[in-house]
Amino acid sequence: MILIKDANRKVKEYIYRDNVQAAYKETVEKAKKGNKHSFALSMQVLITKVGFIIEEVVISPKKK
């Protein structure tokens, strides 16, 4: 078995990136439809997910 250096970090990064891409696409679709309330909610979700990426992938590994 070969261990990949920082594998846990890479897995988290891929999961969060996929999650954010889905949220971004949803936000763009709602903006195109002109639904302001749904767009604002989707944008809030997108910003929250980006914050999770920063916390888990960028900041957390440096704490160790």
N, C-alpha and C. Protein backbone atom coordinates (compact mmCIF):
# COMPACT_ATOMS: atom_id res chain seq x y z
N MET A 1 0.85 -1.18 0.00
CA MET A 1 0.00 0.00 0.00
C MET A 1 0.89 1.24 0.00
N ILE A 2 0.63 2.12 -0.93
CA ILE A 2 1.41 3.34 -1.03
C ILE A 2 0.57 4.49 -0.49
N LEU A 3 1.12 5.21 0.46
CA LEU A 3 0.41 6.35 1.03
C LEU A 3 0.76 7.61 0.25
N ILE A 4 -0.22 8.40 -0.01
CA ILE A 4 0.00 9.66 -0.72
C ILE A 4 0.14 10.76 0.32
N LYS A 5 1.21 11.51 0.20
CA LYS A 5 1.44 12.61 1.14
C LYS A 5 0.28 13.61 1.05
N ASP A 6 -0.22 14.02 2.19
CA ASP A 6 -1.35 14.96 2.29
C ASP A 6 -2.60 14.45 1.59
N ALA A 7 -2.82 13.15 1.60
CA ALA A 7 -3.98 12.57 0.90
C ALA A 7 -5.30 13.08 1.48
N ASN A 8 -5.38 13.16 2.80
CA ASN A 8 -6.61 13.63 3.43
C ASN A 8 -6.94 15.04 2.97
N ARG A 9 -5.94 15.89 2.90
CA ARG A 9 -6.13 17.27 2.46
C ARG A 9 -6.60 17.30 1.01
N LYS A 10 -6.00 16.47 0.17
CA LYS A 10 -6.37 16.45 -1.25
C LYS A 10 -7.80 15.95 -1.44
N VAL A 11 -8.19 14.94 -0.69
CA VAL A 11 -9.56 14.43 -0.78
C VAL A 11 -10.55 15.51 -0.38
N LYS A 12 -10.28 16.16 0.73
CA LYS A 12 -11.16 17.25 1.18
C LYS A 12 -11.23 18.35 0.11
N GLU A 13 -10.09 18.67 -0.47
CA GLU A 13 -10.05 19.72 -1.48
C GLU A 13 -10.93 19.36 -2.68
N TYR A 14 -10.84 18.12 -3.15
CA TYR A 14 -11.66 17.68 -4.29
C TYR A 14 -13.15 17.68 -3.95
N ILE A 15 -13.48 17.21 -2.75
CA ILE A 15 -14.89 17.18 -2.34
C ILE A 15 -15.46 18.59 -2.26
N TYR A 16 -14.73 19.48 -1.61
CA TYR A 16 -15.22 20.85 -1.48
C TYR A 16 -15.27 21.56 -2.83
N ARG A 17 -14.28 21.31 -3.68
CA ARG A 17 -14.27 21.95 -5.00
C ARG A 17 -15.49 21.52 -5.80
N ASP A 18 -15.81 20.24 -5.77
CA ASP A 18 -16.98 19.73 -6.49
C ASP A 18 -18.26 20.34 -5.93
N ASN A 19 -18.31 20.43 -4.62
CA ASN A 19 -19.47 21.01 -3.94
C ASN A 19 -19.65 22.48 -4.33
N VAL A 20 -18.55 23.23 -4.38
CA VAL A 20 -18.63 24.64 -4.72
C VAL A 20 -18.99 24.83 -6.19
N GLN A 21 -18.47 23.98 -7.06
CA GLN A 21 -18.82 24.10 -8.48
C GLN A 21 -20.32 23.89 -8.68
N ALA A 22 -20.89 22.94 -7.97
CA ALA A 22 -22.34 22.70 -8.06
C ALA A 22 -23.11 23.92 -7.55
N ALA A 23 -22.67 24.48 -6.44
CA ALA A 23 -23.34 25.66 -5.88
C ALA A 23 -23.21 26.86 -6.82
N TYR A 24 -22.05 27.00 -7.45
CA TYR A 24 -21.84 28.10 -8.39
C TYR A 24 -22.78 27.98 -9.59
N LYS A 25 -22.88 26.78 -10.14
CA LYS A 25 -23.76 26.56 -11.30
C LYS A 25 -25.22 26.87 -10.94
N GLU A 26 -25.62 26.46 -9.74
CA GLU A 26 -26.98 26.74 -9.29
C GLU A 26 -27.21 28.24 -9.15
N THR A 27 -26.21 28.94 -8.62
CA THR A 27 -26.32 30.39 -8.44
C THR A 27 -26.45 31.09 -9.79
N VAL A 28 -25.65 30.68 -10.76
CA VAL A 28 -25.70 31.28 -12.09
C VAL A 28 -27.06 31.03 -12.75
N GLU A 29 -27.58 29.82 -12.60
CA GLU A 29 -28.90 29.51 -13.18
C GLU A 29 -29.99 30.40 -12.58
N LYS A 30 -29.94 30.61 -11.29
CA LYS A 30 -30.96 31.43 -10.64
C LYS A 30 -30.82 32.89 -11.06
N ALA A 31 -29.58 33.33 -11.27
CA ALA A 31 -29.36 34.70 -11.74
C ALA A 31 -29.91 34.88 -13.15
N LYS A 32 -29.72 33.87 -14.00
CA LYS A 32 -30.23 33.94 -15.38
C LYS A 32 -31.75 33.98 -15.41
N LYS A 33 -32.38 33.29 -14.47
CA LYS A 33 -33.85 33.26 -14.42
C LYS A 33 -34.42 34.54 -13.83
N GLY A 34 -33.59 35.33 -13.15
CA GLY A 34 -34.04 36.60 -12.60
C GLY A 34 -34.74 36.49 -11.27
N ASN A 35 -34.65 35.36 -10.61
CA ASN A 35 -35.28 35.18 -9.31
C ASN A 35 -34.33 35.72 -8.24
N LYS A 36 -34.56 36.95 -7.79
CA LYS A 36 -33.63 37.64 -6.89
C LYS A 36 -33.51 36.96 -5.53
N HIS A 37 -34.62 36.50 -4.97
CA HIS A 37 -34.57 35.88 -3.65
C HIS A 37 -33.79 34.57 -3.69
N SER A 38 -34.08 33.73 -4.67
CA SER A 38 -33.36 32.46 -4.80
C SER A 38 -31.89 32.69 -5.11
N PHE A 39 -31.60 33.72 -5.91
CA PHE A 39 -30.21 34.05 -6.22
C PHE A 39 -29.45 34.44 -4.96
N ALA A 40 -30.07 35.28 -4.13
CA ALA A 40 -29.42 35.72 -2.90
C ALA A 40 -29.15 34.54 -1.97
N LEU A 41 -30.09 33.64 -1.86
CA LEU A 41 -29.92 32.46 -1.02
C LEU A 41 -28.81 31.56 -1.57
N SER A 42 -28.81 31.35 -2.88
CA SER A 42 -27.77 30.53 -3.51
C SER A 42 -26.39 31.16 -3.34
N MET A 43 -26.31 32.48 -3.44
CA MET A 43 -25.03 33.17 -3.26
C MET A 43 -24.53 33.01 -1.83
N GLN A 44 -25.44 33.05 -0.87
CA GLN A 44 -25.06 32.86 0.53
C GLN A 44 -24.51 31.45 0.74
N VAL A 45 -25.15 30.45 0.15
CA VAL A 45 -24.67 29.07 0.25
C VAL A 45 -23.29 28.94 -0.39
N LEU A 46 -23.12 29.56 -1.55
CA LEU A 46 -21.83 29.51 -2.25
C LEU A 46 -20.72 30.12 -1.40
N ILE A 47 -20.97 31.28 -0.83
CA ILE A 47 -19.97 31.94 0.01
C ILE A 47 -19.63 31.10 1.23
N THR A 48 -20.63 30.47 1.83
CA THR A 48 -20.39 29.60 2.99
C THR A 48 -19.52 28.42 2.60
N LYS A 49 -19.77 27.81 1.46
CA LYS A 49 -18.97 26.66 1.03
C LYS A 49 -17.53 27.07 0.73
N VAL A 50 -17.34 28.24 0.15
CA VAL A 50 -15.98 28.73 -0.10
C VAL A 50 -15.27 28.95 1.24
N GLY A 51 -15.99 29.46 2.22
CA GLY A 51 -15.42 29.62 3.56
C GLY A 51 -14.98 28.30 4.16
N PHE A 52 -15.77 27.25 3.95
CA PHE A 52 -15.38 25.92 4.43
C PHE A 52 -14.11 25.43 3.75
N ILE A 53 -13.97 25.71 2.47
CA ILE A 53 -12.76 25.31 1.76
C ILE A 53 -11.55 26.00 2.38
N ILE A 54 -11.67 27.28 2.59
CA ILE A 54 -10.56 28.03 3.17
C ILE A 54 -10.19 27.48 4.53
N GLU A 55 -11.18 27.19 5.35
CA GLU A 55 -10.93 26.66 6.69
C GLU A 55 -10.30 25.28 6.65
N GLU A 56 -10.88 24.35 5.91
CA GLU A 56 -10.44 22.95 5.92
C GLU A 56 -9.18 22.70 5.12
N VAL A 57 -9.05 23.35 3.99
CA VAL A 57 -7.96 23.02 3.07
C VAL A 57 -6.76 23.94 3.26
N VAL A 58 -7.00 25.20 3.52
CA VAL A 58 -5.90 26.15 3.57
C VAL A 58 -5.42 26.41 5.00
N ILE A 59 -6.33 26.69 5.92
CA ILE A 59 -5.95 27.09 7.27
C ILE A 59 -5.65 25.89 8.16
N SER A 60 -6.50 24.88 8.18
CA SER A 60 -6.36 23.74 9.10
C SER A 60 -5.03 23.01 8.98
N PRO A 61 -4.51 22.70 7.78
CA PRO A 61 -3.23 21.99 7.73
C PRO A 61 -2.07 22.77 8.35
N LYS A 62 -2.15 24.09 8.34
CA LYS A 62 -1.08 24.91 8.92
C LYS A 62 -1.11 24.91 10.44
N LYS A 63 -2.26 24.60 11.03
CA LYS A 63 -2.39 24.56 12.49
C LYS A 63 -1.65 23.38 13.10
N LYS A 64 -1.47 22.32 12.32
CA LYS A 64 -0.87 21.09 12.84
C LYS A 64 0.61 21.20 13.04
